[in-house]
Amino acid sequence: MQLKREKFEINLNPIQRGGILTKEARDALIEFADGYSICDFCPGRLDLILKPNIKKFVHEELPEFLGCDLARTTNGAREAIFVVMNSLKTEKNKSKIVLADGNAHYSSYIAAERAGLDIDIVESSGYPEYKIDVEKFEEKIDLNKPILILLTYPDGNYGNFPDVKKLSKICKNKGVPLLLNCAYSIGRLEIKLNQLGVDFLIGSGHKSMAASGPIGILGFNKEWEKIILRKSKYFPNKEVEMLGCSSRGPSIITLIASFPVVKERIKHWDEEVEKARYFSREMEKLGLKQLGEKPHNHDLMFFEAKPIYEISKKHKKRGYFLYHELKKRGIGGIKPGLTKNFKVSTYQLTKKEIDRVVKAFEDIIKKN
């Protein structure tokens, strides 16, 4: 079996732009590629390993980065969400409802289902902005008495940022914990739990922190320690929700290796937002329409592409023509078959690369 993947000079895929490995991470990936090679000096729990110094990263550097007391890595953001949901599902708390925003990722639903919980939704404003009005959570909190509030920040479809600080005040007044899913923000911009007033922060190393993954990030304060980090009655050193040890191997090592670069690049988030807004304006000049918030505040963008779709209806390759036209120009990341609408990300692209993408779309529309 030949294991190869297509590589492009410019990759627009939103789930990959923030996960492109640094040189340091690529070197570390090879060094620790063998199974369980990070466990040579394990004292009995992965997050306490000193060589390589995972302990310092998990217990000192990561909490400082997230603005919280405690942190753990998991096998993905969805696993971190599940950890919180499953931990809160106690006999004392009879509620079986998680209240989430209407733009929540499907994995948030699956995590709740796996934990034996139900999800209720605060719907978005719908087409074309799909905004979340956080004030609508208040009425549903009174109605459902939820075990947890989940807010996606930003969502993975439109890149919208709801007003988390306003929602955190509502949650505190109602006595309901708030989980913030930051899979597309932690590692791209500064996110601090203590500044936003939330109870749980969730991140994604492979989506936004230049790690090979899959690996998730979970941050919280000491008030939740006994619940989230409860110990096994059979193996007292092991944390039950982490299944003893979590995110073993290349995922954790590449996350650590890329961390110095990640800490530096979040300082330049304003530049990334300006590039995204520029790209959106240029694409709209070609007849495409960016959905979601405007002016846009994230590199992830969703476009309604009527000119491209009209071409696809007459083209011999139908919906696959766009993929092939972009591929000829060294550009990838839009799924084969998509023309009516699609998501892209400009994160970490240069202005020259962005102009190249815009020119490619312009040429494709004119040519066809």
Foldseek 3Di string as FASTA:
>chain_A
DDDDDDAFPAAFALQALQQAFDPLLVVLCVVFVPPLSQCPQPPQESCPDVVVYSVCCQQPVVCVQAAARGKDKFQALLLLLLLVLLLLPDPVDPAQEEEEEQLADVSNQVSSVVSVGHYDYQFAPDPFARHGDLVVVLVVCVVRVHQEYEYEADHQAANAGHQQLVNLVSCVVSVHAYEYEVQSPRLQARHYCVVSNHAKYKYACNSRQNAVGRMMMIGGYPVCCCRSQPADPVDRVAGVSRVRYHDGTSRSSSSVSSRVVSVVNNVVNVVQLVLQLVLQVLVVVVVKHWGHDPVHRFQKTKIQAVLQQVVLVPDPLRQQPVQVLVVVVRYYNWDGSDRRMTMTGCPPPDSVVSVSVSVSVVCVSVVD
